[in-house]
Amino acid sequence: MSSVPTRPPIEIETAPNPVATVILMHGLGAGGNDFVSIVNELDLSAVGPVRFVFPNAPIIPVTINGGYAMPAWYDIAVADLGAREDEAGLRRSRVAIEALIANEKSRGIPADHIVIAGFSQGCAMALLTGLRHGERLAGIVGLSGYLPIASTTAAERHPANHDTPVFMGHGTRDGVVPVARAIDSRNALTAMGYEVEWHEYPMEHSVCIEEIVDLNAFLLRVLQARENTGKVA
């Protein structure tokens, strides 16, 4: 399996010369275009121009779906997401996401002006990558997902992101990633000292307008905080 997404990411800039980047990863069987509409639903004008990057996962066989090849950041073997995790696949995709962060830095966006986010499998990748990244990020966002290979997090997390704010939102009627699994992930993170902003919504495995509103407020807070760092009043 490739360690790099087979299709280039979709990029949208709200205006020229962006000052911040949001990297948002899709879920199993989806694509980068699934979340493009979120650009029009968020208002980050107070931050300045923002670049949104929507990566495309590689197309790989997914065991739980009979080996059918589809866009996936890693394989899923069984419905119990904590069992038989595809650690090798998770780590391969982390390399690809780290490359996206490095690309943003090469274009002039510092790490602490980058938010890494994702839905479902994309949430797992955002948490996996963000907590281990070697420079301080602006924030980490996990939507309708969970913390993968959780037992390795304490040993592998990087101190640079120990105080990075984390947003987690989840539907109470989620039949794909049970809310209990997400709560366990939240509790594991808070036990390690992370600041987790937790939200529950009366929805299934999806995103609702209330979550978009809460996410908008979070992004404004963390990106404006980084924008103001070091400025003299």
Protein backbone atom coordinates (compact mmCIF):
# COMPACT_ATOMS: atom_id res chain seq x y z
CA MET A 1 0.00 0.00 0.00
CA SER A 2 1.20 3.51 -0.82
CA SER A 3 2.26 5.85 1.96
CA VAL A 4 1.11 8.83 -0.11
CA PRO A 5 -2.47 9.60 -1.19
CA THR A 6 -2.88 8.55 -4.82
CA ARG A 7 -4.85 11.68 -5.74
CA PRO A 8 -3.68 15.23 -5.05
CA PRO A 9 -5.45 17.19 -2.32
CA ILE A 10 -8.12 19.77 -3.06
CA GLU A 11 -7.10 23.28 -2.00
CA ILE A 12 -9.27 26.34 -1.48
CA GLU A 13 -8.06 29.76 -0.32
CA THR A 14 -10.55 32.24 1.08
CA ALA A 15 -8.36 35.06 -0.26
CA PRO A 16 -4.82 35.45 -1.60
CA ASN A 17 -1.80 35.16 0.71
CA PRO A 18 -3.27 32.91 3.42
CA VAL A 19 -2.00 33.30 6.96
CA ALA A 20 -3.30 29.97 8.29
CA THR A 21 -4.14 26.49 7.04
CA VAL A 22 -6.81 23.95 7.96
CA ILE A 23 -6.04 20.40 6.80
CA LEU A 24 -9.27 18.36 6.91
CA MET A 25 -9.30 14.61 6.22
CA HIS A 26 -12.35 12.68 5.06
CA GLY A 27 -13.68 9.37 6.32
CA LEU A 28 -13.75 5.82 4.96
CA GLY A 29 -14.96 5.50 1.37
CA ALA A 30 -15.23 9.25 0.87
CA GLY A 31 -12.97 11.83 -0.75
CA GLY A 32 -11.50 15.27 -0.27
CA ASN A 33 -14.45 16.89 -2.01
CA ASP A 34 -16.83 15.67 0.73
CA PHE A 35 -15.97 18.60 3.00
CA VAL A 36 -15.35 21.34 0.43
CA SER A 37 -18.71 22.92 1.26
CA ILE A 38 -17.53 23.58 4.80
CA VAL A 39 -15.49 26.51 3.47
CA ASN A 40 -18.71 28.42 2.82
CA GLU A 41 -20.20 27.41 6.17
CA LEU A 42 -17.30 28.72 8.25
CA ASP A 43 -16.51 32.40 8.75
CA LEU A 44 -12.84 32.82 9.65
CA SER A 45 -12.52 36.31 8.19
CA ALA A 46 -11.37 37.65 11.56
CA VAL A 47 -8.25 35.50 11.19
CA GLY A 48 -7.47 36.63 7.65
CA PRO A 49 -7.13 34.56 4.49
CA VAL A 50 -7.16 30.81 5.21
CA ARG A 51 -6.08 27.91 3.02
CA PHE A 52 -8.18 24.75 3.32
CA VAL A 53 -6.49 21.51 2.27
CA PHE A 54 -8.69 18.45 1.69
CA PRO A 55 -6.46 15.39 1.17
CA ASN A 56 -7.56 12.23 -0.63
CA ALA A 57 -6.78 8.93 1.04
CA PRO A 58 -5.19 6.13 -0.99
CA ILE A 59 -7.49 3.49 -2.46
CA ILE A 60 -6.86 0.23 -0.61
CA PRO A 61 -8.71 -3.03 0.09
CA VAL A 62 -10.81 -2.77 3.25
CA THR A 63 -11.24 -6.07 5.05
CA ILE A 64 -14.53 -5.33 6.80
CA ASN A 65 -16.06 -4.48 3.40
CA GLY A 66 -15.10 -7.81 1.87
CA GLY A 67 -11.74 -6.59 0.65
CA TYR A 68 -13.33 -4.06 -1.69
CA ALA A 69 -10.88 -1.33 -2.65
CA MET A 70 -11.95 2.17 -1.60
CA PRO A 71 -10.48 5.41 -0.27
CA ALA A 72 -9.22 4.65 3.24
CA TRP A 73 -6.46 5.98 5.46
CA TYR A 74 -6.03 2.48 6.92
CA ASP A 75 -7.66 -0.93 6.86
CA ILE A 76 -10.48 -1.90 9.22
CA ALA A 77 -10.70 -5.60 9.99
CA VAL A 78 -13.67 -5.83 12.36
CA ALA A 79 -16.52 -3.67 13.66
CA ASP A 80 -14.79 -3.31 17.03
CA LEU A 81 -12.50 -0.42 16.08
CA GLY A 82 -10.19 -1.11 18.99
CA ALA A 83 -9.45 -4.66 17.88
CA ARG A 84 -6.95 -5.75 15.23
CA GLU A 85 -6.01 -2.19 14.38
CA ASP A 86 -4.04 -1.63 11.18
CA GLU A 87 -1.08 -0.03 12.89
CA ALA A 88 1.12 -0.23 9.79
CA GLY A 89 -1.53 1.48 7.67
CA LEU A 90 -2.10 4.17 10.28
CA ARG A 91 1.59 4.93 10.43
CA ARG A 92 1.91 5.02 6.62
CA SER A 93 -0.87 7.57 6.36
CA ARG A 94 0.68 9.60 9.14
CA VAL A 95 3.78 10.00 6.95
CA ALA A 96 1.57 11.37 4.15
CA ILE A 97 -0.13 13.85 6.47
CA GLU A 98 3.20 14.99 7.89
CA ALA A 99 4.22 15.71 4.28
CA LEU A 100 1.15 17.95 3.90
CA ILE A 101 2.13 19.89 7.02
CA ALA A 102 5.68 20.24 5.72
CA ASN A 103 4.33 21.53 2.41
CA GLU A 104 2.32 24.22 4.17
CA LYS A 105 5.40 25.29 6.11
CA SER A 106 7.37 25.48 2.86
CA ARG A 107 4.72 27.90 1.56
CA GLY A 108 5.14 30.20 4.52
CA ILE A 109 2.53 28.95 7.01
CA PRO A 110 4.19 28.27 10.37
CA ALA A 111 3.23 25.09 12.19
CA ASP A 112 1.44 27.02 14.92
CA HIS A 113 -0.91 28.50 12.29
CA ILE A 114 -1.96 25.05 11.07
CA VAL A 115 -5.02 23.13 12.30
CA ILE A 116 -5.18 19.43 11.54
CA ALA A 117 -8.71 18.03 11.43
CA GLY A 118 -10.67 15.01 10.29
CA PHE A 119 -13.96 13.11 10.24
CA SER A 120 -14.24 9.44 11.30
CA GLN A 121 -11.08 7.76 9.94
CA GLY A 122 -9.84 11.28 9.28
CA CYS A 123 -10.39 12.09 12.96
CA ALA A 124 -8.25 9.12 13.90
CA MET A 125 -5.50 10.39 11.60
CA ALA A 126 -5.74 13.95 12.95
CA LEU A 127 -5.33 12.75 16.54
CA LEU A 128 -2.61 10.25 15.65
CA THR A 129 -0.57 12.81 13.71
CA GLY A 130 -1.28 15.96 15.68
CA LEU A 131 -0.29 14.58 19.08
CA ARG A 132 3.00 13.26 17.66
CA HIS A 133 3.94 16.23 15.50
CA GLY A 134 7.29 17.75 16.42
CA GLU A 135 6.20 21.40 16.37
CA ARG A 136 3.35 23.18 18.09
CA LEU A 137 0.17 23.21 15.98
CA ALA A 138 -2.68 25.70 16.38
CA GLY A 139 -5.24 23.00 17.08
CA ILE A 140 -6.43 19.46 16.48
CA VAL A 141 -10.02 18.67 15.48
CA GLY A 142 -11.67 15.25 15.68
CA LEU A 143 -15.21 14.81 14.31
CA SER A 144 -17.12 11.55 14.87
CA GLY A 145 -13.96 9.54 15.42
CA TYR A 146 -11.62 8.12 18.03
CA LEU A 147 -8.01 7.89 19.19
CA PRO A 148 -6.27 5.03 17.33
CA ILE A 149 -3.52 2.80 18.75
CA ALA A 150 -4.29 4.55 22.03
CA SER A 151 -1.86 2.45 24.05
CA THR A 152 1.09 4.00 22.20
CA THR A 153 0.05 7.63 22.58
CA ALA A 154 1.59 8.36 25.98
CA ALA A 155 4.99 7.07 24.89
CA GLU A 156 4.96 8.60 21.39
CA ARG A 157 3.29 11.98 21.87
CA HIS A 158 5.52 15.00 21.38
CA PRO A 159 5.82 17.61 24.14
CA ALA A 160 5.52 20.39 21.55
CA ASN A 161 1.77 19.69 21.33
CA HIS A 162 1.06 18.89 24.95
CA ASP A 163 -0.92 22.13 25.35
CA THR A 164 -2.46 22.22 21.87
CA PRO A 165 -6.26 22.63 22.12
CA VAL A 166 -8.28 19.64 20.90
CA PHE A 167 -11.87 19.84 19.61
CA MET A 168 -13.93 16.63 19.63
CA GLY A 169 -17.53 16.45 18.43
CA HIS A 170 -19.70 13.34 18.22
CA GLY A 171 -23.26 12.22 17.60
CA THR A 172 -25.08 10.47 20.41
CA ARG A 173 -26.82 8.21 17.84
CA ASP A 174 -23.65 7.31 15.93
CA GLY A 175 -23.91 3.68 14.81
CA VAL A 176 -20.51 3.60 13.07
CA VAL A 177 -18.23 4.94 15.79
CA PRO A 178 -20.18 4.55 19.05
CA VAL A 179 -20.13 7.65 21.20
CA ALA A 180 -18.77 5.52 24.08
CA ARG A 181 -15.61 4.90 22.04
CA ALA A 182 -15.18 8.62 21.49
CA ILE A 183 -15.75 9.33 25.17
CA ASP A 184 -13.08 6.78 26.06
CA SER A 185 -10.73 8.60 23.68
CA ARG A 186 -11.57 11.95 25.23
CA ASN A 187 -10.97 10.58 28.71
CA ALA A 188 -7.64 9.11 27.65
CA LEU A 189 -6.54 12.49 26.32
CA THR A 190 -7.67 14.46 29.35
CA ALA A 191 -5.93 11.93 31.61
CA MET A 192 -2.71 12.77 29.76
CA GLY A 193 -3.30 16.46 30.39
CA TYR A 194 -4.70 17.60 27.04
CA GLU A 195 -7.24 20.42 26.84
CA VAL A 196 -10.21 18.77 25.10
CA GLU A 197 -13.27 20.79 24.08
CA TRP A 198 -15.97 18.11 23.96
CA HIS A 199 -19.36 18.39 22.24
CA GLU A 200 -22.21 15.88 21.81
CA TYR A 201 -25.02 16.32 19.29
CA PRO A 202 -28.30 14.42 18.72
CA MET A 203 -27.18 13.06 15.34
CA GLU A 204 -25.86 9.92 13.69
CA HIS A 205 -22.48 9.50 11.93
CA SER A 206 -22.53 12.93 10.35
CA VAL A 207 -21.99 16.65 10.90
CA CYS A 208 -24.72 19.08 11.94
CA ILE A 209 -25.03 22.87 11.81
CA GLU A 210 -24.65 23.14 15.59
CA GLU A 211 -21.30 21.39 15.31
CA ILE A 212 -20.20 23.73 12.52
CA VAL A 213 -21.03 26.71 14.74
CA ASP A 214 -19.02 25.26 17.62
CA LEU A 215 -16.15 24.38 15.30
CA ASN A 216 -16.14 27.90 13.87
CA ALA A 217 -15.76 29.36 17.35
CA PHE A 218 -12.94 26.94 18.16
CA LEU A 219 -11.03 27.73 14.96
CA LEU A 220 -11.35 31.46 15.54
CA ARG A 221 -10.10 31.06 19.09
CA VAL A 222 -7.05 28.94 18.33
CA LEU A 223 -6.02 30.71 15.13
CA GLN A 224 -6.45 34.20 16.54
CA ALA A 225 -4.51 33.16 19.63
CA ARG A 226 -1.58 32.11 17.46
CA GLU A 227 -1.90 35.21 15.26
CA ASN A 228 -1.63 37.41 18.35
CA THR A 229 1.32 35.55 19.86
CA GLY A 230 4.29 37.82 20.09
CA LYS A 231 2.42 40.96 19.02
CA VAL A 232 2.78 44.08 21.11
CA ALA A 233 -0.48 45.72 22.09
